[in-house]
Amino acid sequence: MSDELTQLVRKIHGLLELLAEDKIAERDAKQRASLRKIVGTSAKKQQSVLLMSGALTQKEIRTKTGVNQGDLSTMIGEIQKAKLLDGDTKTPKLAISIPAAFFENHE
């Protein structure tokens, strides 16, 4: 696929996710509640979770957010135990989708 086509597909995917967010939130309500409980109110942990797309290593996430290595490792382990992680823990990827404002919009 060309770069332009790839970018277009990503934009379309993003728009579809935005349009379907209410249904996705309803479907994933229990998993999202579990994720919020695991992550807590730490801004650094929340930022770290938002970067868990499978593209970054734990070290890269730590560099970008400044989260403590032990805190990140423990949190990823808990996320994996809750079956909210796809793949390995070295390049964490959430098994559920969350919007960019996921932690801001919590009651």
PDB file of N, CA and C in Angstrom:
ATOM      1  N   MET A   1       0.839  -1.176   0.000  1.00  0.00           N
ATOM      2  CA  MET A   1       0.000   0.000   0.000  1.00  0.00           C
ATOM      3  C   MET A   1       0.886   1.242   0.000  1.00  0.00           C
ATOM      4  N   SER A   2       0.489   2.235  -0.738  1.00  0.00           N
ATOM      5  CA  SER A   2       1.252   3.474  -0.750  1.00  0.00           C
ATOM      6  C   SER A   2       1.034   4.219   0.566  1.00  0.00           C
ATOM      7  N   ASP A   3       1.956   5.127   0.860  1.00  0.00           N
ATOM      8  CA  ASP A   3       1.844   5.907   2.093  1.00  0.00           C
ATOM      9  C   ASP A   3       0.562   6.726   2.133  1.00  0.00           C
ATOM     10  N   GLU A   4       0.185   7.291   0.989  1.00  0.00           N
ATOM     11  CA  GLU A   4      -1.034   8.096   0.930  1.00  0.00           C
ATOM     12  C   GLU A   4      -2.267   7.253   1.205  1.00  0.00           C
ATOM     13  N   LEU A   5      -2.315   6.065   0.635  1.00  0.00           N
ATOM     14  CA  LEU A   5      -3.449   5.171   0.852  1.00  0.00           C
ATOM     15  C   LEU A   5      -3.497   4.704   2.306  1.00  0.00           C
ATOM     16  N   THR A   6      -2.344   4.400   2.855  1.00  0.00           N
ATOM     17  CA  THR A   6      -2.275   3.988   4.261  1.00  0.00           C
ATOM     18  C   THR A   6      -2.786   5.097   5.174  1.00  0.00           C
ATOM     19  N   GLN A   7      -2.378   6.329   4.904  1.00  0.00           N
ATOM     20  CA  GLN A   7      -2.844   7.462   5.716  1.00  0.00           C
ATOM     21  C   GLN A   7      -4.351   7.638   5.579  1.00  0.00           C
ATOM     22  N   LEU A   8      -4.866   7.483   4.379  1.00  0.00           N
ATOM     23  CA  LEU A   8      -6.301   7.617   4.152  1.00  0.00           C
ATOM     24  C   LEU A   8      -7.074   6.544   4.913  1.00  0.00           C
ATOM     25  N   VAL A   9      -6.597   5.305   4.857  1.00  0.00           N
ATOM     26  CA  VAL A   9      -7.256   4.212   5.579  1.00  0.00           C
ATOM     27  C   VAL A   9      -7.235   4.493   7.079  1.00  0.00           C
ATOM     28  N   ARG A  10      -6.126   4.984   7.587  1.00  0.00           N
ATOM     29  CA  ARG A  10      -6.041   5.307   9.023  1.00  0.00           C
ATOM     30  C   ARG A  10      -7.022   6.412   9.404  1.00  0.00           C
ATOM     31  N   LYS A  11      -7.155   7.416   8.553  1.00  0.00           N
ATOM     32  CA  LYS A  11      -8.103   8.500   8.833  1.00  0.00           C
ATOM     33  C   LYS A  11      -9.536   7.967   8.848  1.00  0.00           C
ATOM     34  N   ILE A  12      -9.860   7.138   7.882  1.00  0.00           N
ATOM     35  CA  ILE A  12     -11.203   6.549   7.820  1.00  0.00           C
ATOM     36  C   ILE A  12     -11.451   5.694   9.053  1.00  0.00           C
ATOM     37  N   HIS A  13     -10.472   4.900   9.436  1.00  0.00           N
ATOM     38  CA  HIS A  13     -10.589   4.063  10.637  1.00  0.00           C
ATOM     39  C   HIS A  13     -10.838   4.931  11.863  1.00  0.00           C
ATOM     40  N   GLY A  14     -10.085   6.020  11.990  1.00  0.00           N
ATOM     41  CA  GLY A  14     -10.260   6.931  13.122  1.00  0.00           C
ATOM     42  C   GLY A  14     -11.652   7.541  13.158  1.00  0.00           C
ATOM     43  N   LEU A  15     -12.155   7.933  12.007  1.00  0.00           N
ATOM     44  CA  LEU A  15     -13.500   8.505  11.936  1.00  0.00           C
ATOM     45  C   LEU A  15     -14.564   7.478  12.305  1.00  0.00           C
ATOM     46  N   LEU A  16     -14.391   6.242  11.831  1.00  0.00           N
ATOM     47  CA  LEU A  16     -15.353   5.191  12.174  1.00  0.00           C
ATOM     48  C   LEU A  16     -15.339   4.903  13.670  1.00  0.00           C
ATOM     49  N   GLU A  17     -14.149   4.882  14.266  1.00  0.00           N
ATOM     50  CA  GLU A  17     -14.067   4.676  15.718  1.00  0.00           C
ATOM     51  C   GLU A  17     -14.763   5.802  16.459  1.00  0.00           C
ATOM     52  N   LEU A  18     -14.569   7.038  16.001  1.00  0.00           N
ATOM     53  CA  LEU A  18     -15.213   8.180  16.637  1.00  0.00           C
ATOM     54  C   LEU A  18     -16.733   8.060  16.556  1.00  0.00           C
ATOM     55  N   LEU A  19     -17.231   7.676  15.399  1.00  0.00           N
ATOM     56  CA  LEU A  19     -18.675   7.524  15.223  1.00  0.00           C
ATOM     57  C   LEU A  19     -19.242   6.378  16.051  1.00  0.00           C
ATOM     58  N   ALA A  20     -18.449   5.343  16.250  1.00  0.00           N
ATOM     59  CA  ALA A  20     -18.923   4.154  16.959  1.00  0.00           C
ATOM     60  C   ALA A  20     -18.552   4.159  18.445  1.00  0.00           C
ATOM     61  N   GLU A  21     -17.963   5.228  18.941  1.00  0.00           N
ATOM     62  CA  GLU A  21     -17.450   5.240  20.318  1.00  0.00           C
ATOM     63  C   GLU A  21     -18.506   4.852  21.348  1.00  0.00           C
ATOM     64  N   ASP A  22     -19.733   5.325  21.219  1.00  0.00           N
ATOM     65  CA  ASP A  22     -20.770   4.986  22.198  1.00  0.00           C
ATOM     66  C   ASP A  22     -21.019   3.479  22.252  1.00  0.00           C
ATOM     67  N   LYS A  23     -21.078   2.848  21.096  1.00  0.00           N
ATOM     68  CA  LYS A  23     -21.307   1.396  21.046  1.00  0.00           C
ATOM     69  C   LYS A  23     -20.084   0.636  21.561  1.00  0.00           C
ATOM     70  N   ILE A  24     -18.895   1.120  21.227  1.00  0.00           N
ATOM     71  CA  ILE A  24     -17.670   0.488  21.711  1.00  0.00           C
ATOM     72  C   ILE A  24     -17.599   0.601  23.235  1.00  0.00           C
ATOM     73  N   ALA A  25     -17.932   1.768  23.767  1.00  0.00           N
ATOM     74  CA  ALA A  25     -17.903   1.974  25.220  1.00  0.00           C
ATOM     75  C   ALA A  25     -18.889   1.046  25.917  1.00  0.00           C
ATOM     76  N   GLU A  26     -20.055   0.875  25.327  1.00  0.00           N
ATOM     77  CA  GLU A  26     -21.065  -0.024  25.896  1.00  0.00           C
ATOM     78  C   GLU A  26     -20.565  -1.473  25.884  1.00  0.00           C
ATOM     79  N   ARG A  27     -20.001  -1.885  24.754  1.00  0.00           N
ATOM     80  CA  ARG A  27     -19.501  -3.254  24.607  1.00  0.00           C
ATOM     81  C   ARG A  27     -18.342  -3.543  25.572  1.00  0.00           C
ATOM     82  N   ASP A  28     -17.459  -2.570  25.747  1.00  0.00           N
ATOM     83  CA  ASP A  28     -16.243  -2.769  26.543  1.00  0.00           C
ATOM     84  C   ASP A  28     -16.332  -2.178  27.953  1.00  0.00           C
ATOM     85  N   ALA A  29     -17.530  -1.931  28.445  1.00  0.00           N
ATOM     86  CA  ALA A  29     -17.695  -1.233  29.725  1.00  0.00           C
ATOM     87  C   ALA A  29     -16.950  -1.907  30.875  1.00  0.00           C
ATOM     88  N   LYS A  30     -17.066  -3.219  31.014  1.00  0.00           N
ATOM     89  CA  LYS A  30     -16.401  -3.918  32.123  1.00  0.00           C
ATOM     90  C   LYS A  30     -14.893  -3.844  31.999  1.00  0.00           C
ATOM     91  N   GLN A  31     -14.385  -4.039  30.782  1.00  0.00           N
ATOM     92  CA  GLN A  31     -12.946  -3.988  30.574  1.00  0.00           C
ATOM     93  C   GLN A  31     -12.405  -2.584  30.811  1.00  0.00           C
ATOM     94  N   ARG A  32     -13.147  -1.582  30.376  1.00  0.00           N
ATOM     95  CA  ARG A  32     -12.706  -0.194  30.584  1.00  0.00           C
ATOM     96  C   ARG A  32     -12.714   0.167  32.067  1.00  0.00           C
ATOM     97  N   ALA A  33     -13.709  -0.309  32.794  1.00  0.00           N
ATOM     98  CA  ALA A  33     -13.753  -0.062  34.240  1.00  0.00           C
ATOM     99  C   ALA A  33     -12.557  -0.724  34.920  1.00  0.00           C
ATOM    100  N   SER A  34     -12.235  -1.918  34.498  1.00  0.00           N
ATOM    101  CA  SER A  34     -11.083  -2.629  35.043  1.00  0.00           C
ATOM    102  C   SER A  34      -9.791  -1.869  34.739  1.00  0.00           C
ATOM    103  N   LEU A  35      -9.673  -1.366  33.527  1.00  0.00           N
ATOM    104  CA  LEU A  35      -8.479  -0.604  33.144  1.00  0.00           C
ATOM    105  C   LEU A  35      -8.343   0.655  33.990  1.00  0.00           C
ATOM    106  N   ARG A  36      -9.450   1.366  34.184  1.00  0.00           N
ATOM    107  CA  ARG A  36      -9.408   2.577  35.022  1.00  0.00           C
ATOM    108  C   ARG A  36      -8.961   2.252  36.443  1.00  0.00           C
ATOM    109  N   LYS A  37      -9.453   1.138  36.972  1.00  0.00           N
ATOM    110  CA  LYS A  37      -9.090   0.738  38.332  1.00  0.00           C
ATOM    111  C   LYS A  37      -7.598   0.420  38.416  1.00  0.00           C
ATOM    112  N   ILE A  38      -7.072  -0.291  37.429  1.00  0.00           N
ATOM    113  CA  ILE A  38      -5.650  -0.659  37.424  1.00  0.00           C
ATOM    114  C   ILE A  38      -4.769   0.584  37.301  1.00  0.00           C
ATOM    115  N   VAL A  39      -5.116   1.487  36.409  1.00  0.00           N
ATOM    116  CA  VAL A  39      -4.281   2.656  36.123  1.00  0.00           C
ATOM    117  C   VAL A  39      -4.362   3.703  37.227  1.00  0.00           C
ATOM    118  N   GLY A  40      -5.540   3.908  37.767  1.00  0.00           N
ATOM    119  CA  GLY A  40      -5.706   4.894  38.831  1.00  0.00           C
ATOM    120  C   GLY A  40      -5.666   6.320  38.313  1.00  0.00           C
ATOM    121  N   THR A  41      -5.256   7.244  39.168  1.00  0.00           N
ATOM    122  CA  THR A  41      -5.315   8.670  38.831  1.00  0.00           C
ATOM    123  C   THR A  41      -3.971   9.267  38.434  1.00  0.00           C
ATOM    124  N   SER A  42      -2.932   8.475  38.403  1.00  0.00           N
ATOM    125  CA  SER A  42      -1.603   8.967  38.026  1.00  0.00           C
ATOM    126  C   SER A  42      -1.604   9.423  36.567  1.00  0.00           C
ATOM    127  N   ALA A  43      -1.296  10.690  36.348  1.00  0.00           N
ATOM    128  CA  ALA A  43      -1.260  11.238  34.985  1.00  0.00           C
ATOM    129  C   ALA A  43      -0.217  10.524  34.137  1.00  0.00           C
ATOM    130  N   LYS A  44       0.916  10.179  34.714  1.00  0.00           N
ATOM    131  CA  LYS A  44       1.974   9.503  33.960  1.00  0.00           C
ATOM    132  C   LYS A  44       1.542   8.099  33.539  1.00  0.00           C
ATOM    133  N   LYS A  45       0.868   7.390  34.419  1.00  0.00           N
ATOM    134  CA  LYS A  45       0.368   6.059  34.069  1.00  0.00           C
ATOM    135  C   LYS A  45      -0.707   6.158  32.995  1.00  0.00           C
ATOM    136  N   GLN A  46      -1.585   7.138  33.122  1.00  0.00           N
ATOM    137  CA  GLN A  46      -2.637   7.332  32.137  1.00  0.00           C
ATOM    138  C   GLN A  46      -2.045   7.638  30.766  1.00  0.00           C
ATOM    139  N   GLN A  47      -1.046   8.522  30.722  1.00  0.00           N
ATOM    140  CA  GLN A  47      -0.374   8.840  29.462  1.00  0.00           C
ATOM    141  C   GLN A  47       0.290   7.593  28.887  1.00  0.00           C
ATOM    142  N   SER A  48       0.857   6.780  29.760  1.00  0.00           N
ATOM    143  CA  SER A  48       1.515   5.554  29.318  1.00  0.00           C
ATOM    144  C   SER A  48       0.536   4.612  28.651  1.00  0.00           C
ATOM    145  N   VAL A  49      -0.637   4.454  29.236  1.00  0.00           N
ATOM    146  CA  VAL A  49      -1.652   3.561  28.666  1.00  0.00           C
ATOM    147  C   VAL A  49      -2.092   4.064  27.297  1.00  0.00           C
ATOM    148  N   LEU A  50      -2.218   5.365  27.144  1.00  0.00           N
ATOM    149  CA  LEU A  50      -2.635   5.923  25.864  1.00  0.00           C
ATOM    150  C   LEU A  50      -1.603   5.663  24.765  1.00  0.00           C
ATOM    151  N   LEU A  51      -0.365   5.372  25.147  1.00  0.00           N
ATOM    152  CA  LEU A  51       0.697   5.078  24.178  1.00  0.00           C
ATOM    153  C   LEU A  51       0.825   3.583  23.873  1.00  0.00           C
ATOM    154  N   MET A  52       0.012   2.764  24.508  1.00  0.00           N
ATOM    155  CA  MET A  52       0.112   1.308  24.334  1.00  0.00           C
ATOM    156  C   MET A  52      -0.610   0.858  23.067  1.00  0.00           C
ATOM    157  N   SER A  53       0.065   1.079  21.943  1.00  0.00           N
ATOM    158  CA  SER A  53      -0.481   0.706  20.642  1.00  0.00           C
ATOM    159  C   SER A  53       0.259  -0.465  20.019  1.00  0.00           C
ATOM    160  N   GLY A  54       1.287  -0.940  20.702  1.00  0.00           N
ATOM    161  CA  GLY A  54       2.113  -2.010  20.162  1.00  0.00           C
ATOM    162  C   GLY A  54       3.288  -1.489  19.349  1.00  0.00           C
ATOM    163  N   ALA A  55       3.352  -0.178  19.173  1.00  0.00           N
ATOM    164  CA  ALA A  55       4.428   0.417  18.372  1.00  0.00           C
ATOM    165  C   ALA A  55       5.635   0.822  19.209  1.00  0.00           C
ATOM    166  N   LEU A  56       5.437   1.004  20.514  1.00  0.00           N
ATOM    167  CA  LEU A  56       6.514   1.469  21.388  1.00  0.00           C
ATOM    168  C   LEU A  56       6.889   0.403  22.412  1.00  0.00           C
ATOM    169  N   THR A  57       8.155   0.362  22.756  1.00  0.00           N
ATOM    170  CA  THR A  57       8.607  -0.525  23.822  1.00  0.00           C
ATOM    171  C   THR A  57       8.313   0.137  25.166  1.00  0.00           C
ATOM    172  N   GLN A  58       8.415  -0.644  26.224  1.00  0.00           N
ATOM    173  CA  GLN A  58       8.234  -0.069  27.561  1.00  0.00           C
ATOM    174  C   GLN A  58       9.228   1.065  27.786  1.00  0.00           C
ATOM    175  N   LYS A  59      10.459   0.874  27.351  1.00  0.00           N
ATOM    176  CA  LYS A  59      11.481   1.910  27.542  1.00  0.00           C
ATOM    177  C   LYS A  59      11.089   3.199  26.821  1.00  0.00           C
ATOM    178  N   GLU A  60      10.576   3.090  25.606  1.00  0.00           N
ATOM    179  CA  GLU A  60      10.148   4.270  24.857  1.00  0.00           C
ATOM    180  C   GLU A  60       8.961   4.953  25.537  1.00  0.00           C
ATOM    181  N   ILE A  61       8.058   4.171  26.071  1.00  0.00           N
ATOM    182  CA  ILE A  61       6.918   4.742  26.803  1.00  0.00           C
ATOM    183  C   ILE A  61       7.412   5.491  28.037  1.00  0.00           C
ATOM    184  N   ARG A  62       8.346   4.876  28.771  1.00  0.00           N
ATOM    185  CA  ARG A  62       8.912   5.541  29.957  1.00  0.00           C
ATOM    186  C   ARG A  62       9.582   6.856  29.580  1.00  0.00           C
ATOM    187  N   THR A  63      10.322   6.863  28.480  1.00  0.00           N
ATOM    188  CA  THR A  63      11.009   8.071  28.028  1.00  0.00           C
ATOM    189  C   THR A  63      10.012   9.176  27.706  1.00  0.00           C
ATOM    190  N   LYS A  64       8.921   8.828  27.046  1.00  0.00           N
ATOM    191  CA  LYS A  64       7.928   9.823  26.631  1.00  0.00           C
ATOM    192  C   LYS A  64       7.095  10.353  27.798  1.00  0.00           C
ATOM    193  N   THR A  65       6.851   9.515  28.814  1.00  0.00           N
ATOM    194  CA  THR A  65       5.941   9.921  29.885  1.00  0.00           C
ATOM    195  C   THR A  65       6.631  10.229  31.210  1.00  0.00           C
ATOM    196  N   GLY A  66       7.828   9.704  31.409  1.00  0.00           N
ATOM    197  CA  GLY A  66       8.513   9.895  32.687  1.00  0.00           C
ATOM    198  C   GLY A  66       7.992   9.003  33.797  1.00  0.00           C
ATOM    199  N   VAL A  67       7.193   7.999  33.445  1.00  0.00           N
ATOM    200  CA  VAL A  67       6.660   7.086  34.450  1.00  0.00           C
ATOM    201  C   VAL A  67       7.795   6.223  35.007  1.00  0.00           C
ATOM    202  N   ASN A  68       7.700   5.874  36.262  1.00  0.00           N
ATOM    203  CA  ASN A  68       8.685   5.027  36.928  1.00  0.00           C
ATOM    204  C   ASN A  68       8.692   3.636  36.306  1.00  0.00           C
ATOM    205  N   GLN A  69       9.888   3.066  36.114  1.00  0.00           N
ATOM    206  CA  GLN A  69      10.025   1.753  35.482  1.00  0.00           C
ATOM    207  C   GLN A  69       9.240   0.677  36.230  1.00  0.00           C
ATOM    208  N   GLY A  70       9.352   0.654  37.540  1.00  0.00           N
ATOM    209  CA  GLY A  70       8.643  -0.343  38.338  1.00  0.00           C
ATOM    210  C   GLY A  70       7.140  -0.183  38.255  1.00  0.00           C
ATOM    211  N   ASP A  71       6.693   1.069  38.300  1.00  0.00           N
ATOM    212  CA  ASP A  71       5.254   1.334  38.196  1.00  0.00           C
ATOM    213  C   ASP A  71       4.702   0.871  36.851  1.00  0.00           C
ATOM    214  N   LEU A  72       5.446   1.167  35.775  1.00  0.00           N
ATOM    215  CA  LEU A  72       4.993   0.769  34.441  1.00  0.00           C
ATOM    216  C   LEU A  72       4.977  -0.743  34.306  1.00  0.00           C
ATOM    217  N   SER A  73       6.031  -1.386  34.748  1.00  0.00           N
ATOM    218  CA  SER A  73       6.117  -2.843  34.642  1.00  0.00           C
ATOM    219  C   SER A  73       5.000  -3.523  35.426  1.00  0.00           C
ATOM    220  N   THR A  74       4.760  -3.058  36.647  1.00  0.00           N
ATOM    221  CA  THR A  74       3.692  -3.615  37.480  1.00  0.00           C
ATOM    222  C   THR A  74       2.328  -3.388  36.836  1.00  0.00           C
ATOM    223  N   MET A  75       2.105  -2.176  36.338  1.00  0.00           N
ATOM    224  CA  MET A  75       0.823  -1.851  35.722  1.00  0.00           C
ATOM    225  C   MET A  75       0.585  -2.716  34.485  1.00  0.00           C
ATOM    226  N   ILE A  76       1.606  -2.888  33.654  1.00  0.00           N
ATOM    227  CA  ILE A  76       1.464  -3.715  32.455  1.00  0.00           C
ATOM    228  C   ILE A  76       1.168  -5.159  32.845  1.00  0.00           C
ATOM    229  N   GLY A  77       1.815  -5.642  33.896  1.00  0.00           N
ATOM    230  CA  GLY A  77       1.531  -6.991  34.380  1.00  0.00           C
ATOM    231  C   GLY A  77       0.088  -7.143  34.818  1.00  0.00           C
ATOM    232  N   GLU A  78      -0.440  -6.133  35.507  1.00  0.00           N
ATOM    233  CA  GLU A  78      -1.835  -6.171  35.948  1.00  0.00           C
ATOM    234  C   GLU A  78      -2.795  -6.086  34.762  1.00  0.00           C
ATOM    235  N   ILE A  79      -2.434  -5.276  33.776  1.00  0.00           N
ATOM    236  CA  ILE A  79      -3.262  -5.156  32.574  1.00  0.00           C
ATOM    237  C   ILE A  79      -3.280  -6.491  31.831  1.00  0.00           C
ATOM    238  N   GLN A  80      -2.127  -7.137  31.766  1.00  0.00           N
ATOM    239  CA  GLN A  80      -2.046  -8.444  31.107  1.00  0.00           C
ATOM    240  C   GLN A  80      -2.857  -9.492  31.873  1.00  0.00           C
ATOM    241  N   LYS A  81      -2.749  -9.479  33.191  1.00  0.00           N
ATOM    242  CA  LYS A  81      -3.486 -10.432  34.027  1.00  0.00           C
ATOM    243  C   LYS A  81      -5.000 -10.261  33.849  1.00  0.00           C
ATOM    244  N   ALA A  82      -5.431  -9.024  33.621  1.00  0.00           N
ATOM    245  CA  ALA A  82      -6.853  -8.736  33.407  1.00  0.00           C
ATOM    246  C   ALA A  82      -7.281  -9.025  31.960  1.00  0.00           C
ATOM    247  N   LYS A  83      -6.363  -9.567  31.169  1.00  0.00           N
ATOM    248  CA  LYS A  83      -6.610  -9.918  29.761  1.00  0.00           C
ATOM    249  C   LYS A  83      -6.990  -8.701  28.929  1.00  0.00           C
ATOM    250  N   LEU A  84      -6.323  -7.583  29.222  1.00  0.00           N
ATOM    251  CA  LEU A  84      -6.557  -6.348  28.489  1.00  0.00           C
ATOM    252  C   LEU A  84      -5.372  -5.984  27.607  1.00  0.00           C
ATOM    253  N   LEU A  85      -4.458  -6.932  27.427  1.00  0.00           N
ATOM    254  CA  LEU A  85      -3.251  -6.697  26.650  1.00  0.00           C
ATOM    255  C   LEU A  85      -3.139  -7.741  25.552  1.00  0.00           C
ATOM    256  N   ASP A  86      -2.838  -7.288  24.351  1.00  0.00           N
ATOM    257  CA  ASP A  86      -2.570  -8.188  23.220  1.00  0.00           C
ATOM    258  C   ASP A  86      -1.067  -8.337  23.073  1.00  0.00           C
ATOM    259  N   GLY A  87      -0.621  -9.525  22.726  1.00  0.00           N
ATOM    260  CA  GLY A  87       0.795  -9.725  22.465  1.00  0.00           C
ATOM    261  C   GLY A  87       1.633  -9.762  23.722  1.00  0.00           C
ATOM    262  N   ASP A  88       2.892  -9.352  23.570  1.00  0.00           N
ATOM    263  CA  ASP A  88       3.821  -9.433  24.697  1.00  0.00           C
ATOM    264  C   ASP A  88       3.835  -8.136  25.508  1.00  0.00           C
ATOM    265  N   THR A  89       4.550  -8.171  26.613  1.00  0.00           N
ATOM    266  CA  THR A  89       4.615  -7.012  27.499  1.00  0.00           C
ATOM    267  C   THR A  89       5.741  -6.058  27.119  1.00  0.00           C
ATOM    268  N   LYS A  90       6.660  -6.471  26.257  1.00  0.00           N
ATOM    269  CA  LYS A  90       7.777  -5.598  25.861  1.00  0.00           C
ATOM    270  C   LYS A  90       7.306  -4.445  24.983  1.00  0.00           C
ATOM    271  N   THR A  91       6.362  -4.728  24.112  1.00  0.00           N
ATOM    272  CA  THR A  91       5.738  -3.693  23.280  1.00  0.00           C
ATOM    273  C   THR A  91       4.232  -3.779  23.507  1.00  0.00           C
ATOM    274  N   PRO A  92       3.765  -3.246  24.633  1.00  0.00           N
ATOM    275  CA  PRO A  92       2.370  -3.430  25.036  1.00  0.00           C
ATOM    276  C   PRO A  92       1.360  -2.809  24.077  1.00  0.00           C
ATOM    277  N   LYS A  93       0.278  -3.571  23.860  1.00  0.00           N
ATOM    278  CA  LYS A  93      -0.830  -3.104  23.030  1.00  0.00           C
ATOM    279  C   LYS A  93      -2.130  -3.473  23.731  1.00  0.00           C
ATOM    280  N   LEU A  94      -2.960  -2.475  23.962  1.00  0.00           N
ATOM    281  CA  LEU A  94      -4.244  -2.739  24.612  1.00  0.00           C
ATOM    282  C   LEU A  94      -5.119  -3.623  23.736  1.00  0.00           C
ATOM    283  N   ALA A  95      -5.852  -4.504  24.373  1.00  0.00           N
ATOM    284  CA  ALA A  95      -6.765  -5.401  23.666  1.00  0.00           C
ATOM    285  C   ALA A  95      -8.105  -4.723  23.392  1.00  0.00           C
ATOM    286  N   ILE A  96      -8.341  -3.590  24.020  1.00  0.00           N
ATOM    287  CA  ILE A  96      -9.565  -2.820  23.793  1.00  0.00           C
ATOM    288  C   ILE A  96      -9.175  -1.438  23.284  1.00  0.00           C
ATOM    289  N   SER A  97     -10.091  -0.797  22.597  1.00  0.00           N
ATOM    290  CA  SER A  97      -9.811   0.566  22.146  1.00  0.00           C
ATOM    291  C   SER A  97     -10.339   1.548  23.182  1.00  0.00           C
ATOM    292  N   ILE A  98      -9.584   2.624  23.335  1.00  0.00           N
ATOM    293  CA  ILE A  98     -10.017   3.702  24.225  1.00  0.00           C
ATOM    294  C   ILE A  98      -9.781   5.022  23.500  1.00  0.00           C
ATOM    295  N   PRO A  99     -10.668   5.989  23.720  1.00  0.00           N
ATOM    296  CA  PRO A  99     -10.468   7.291  23.077  1.00  0.00           C
ATOM    297  C   PRO A  99      -9.345   8.060  23.766  1.00  0.00           C
ATOM    298  N   ALA A 100      -8.815   9.060  23.064  1.00  0.00           N
ATOM    299  CA  ALA A 100      -7.709   9.860  23.594  1.00  0.00           C
ATOM    300  C   ALA A 100      -8.083  10.541  24.915  1.00  0.00           C
ATOM    301  N   ALA A 101      -9.344  10.878  25.088  1.00  0.00           N
ATOM    302  CA  ALA A 101      -9.797  11.557  26.302  1.00  0.00           C
ATOM    303  C   ALA A 101     -10.386  10.574  27.327  1.00  0.00           C
ATOM    304  N   PHE A 102     -10.027   9.315  27.218  1.00  0.00           N
ATOM    305  CA  PHE A 102     -10.591   8.258  28.062  1.00  0.00           C
ATOM    306  C   PHE A 102     -10.518   8.581  29.553  1.00  0.00           C
ATOM    307  N   PHE A 103      -9.387   9.003  30.027  1.00  0.00           N
ATOM    308  CA  PHE A 103      -9.217   9.257  31.453  1.00  0.00           C
ATOM    309  C   PHE A 103      -9.788  10.617  31.875  1.00  0.00           C
ATOM    310  N   GLU A 104      -9.925  11.541  30.949  1.00  0.00           N
ATOM    311  CA  GLU A 104     -10.479  12.858  31.249  1.00  0.00           C
ATOM    312  C   GLU A 104     -11.981  12.805  31.428  1.00  0.00           C
ATOM    313  N   ASN A 105     -12.637  11.895  30.723  1.00  0.00           N
ATOM    314  CA  ASN A 105     -14.098  11.862  30.690  1.00  0.00           C
ATOM    315  C   ASN A 105     -14.722  10.990  31.755  1.00  0.00           C
ATOM    316  N   HIS A 106     -13.926  10.490  32.665  1.00  0.00           N
ATOM    317  CA  HIS A 106     -14.486   9.611  33.703  1.00  0.00           C
ATOM    318  C   HIS A 106     -15.166  10.439  34.775  1.00  0.00           C
ATOM    319  N   GLU A 107     -16.333   9.955  35.162  1.00  0.00           N
ATOM    320  CA  GLU A 107     -17.105  10.670  36.180  1.00  0.00           C
ATOM    321  C   GLU A 107     -16.378  10.667  37.495  1.00  0.00           C
TER     322      GLU A 107
END
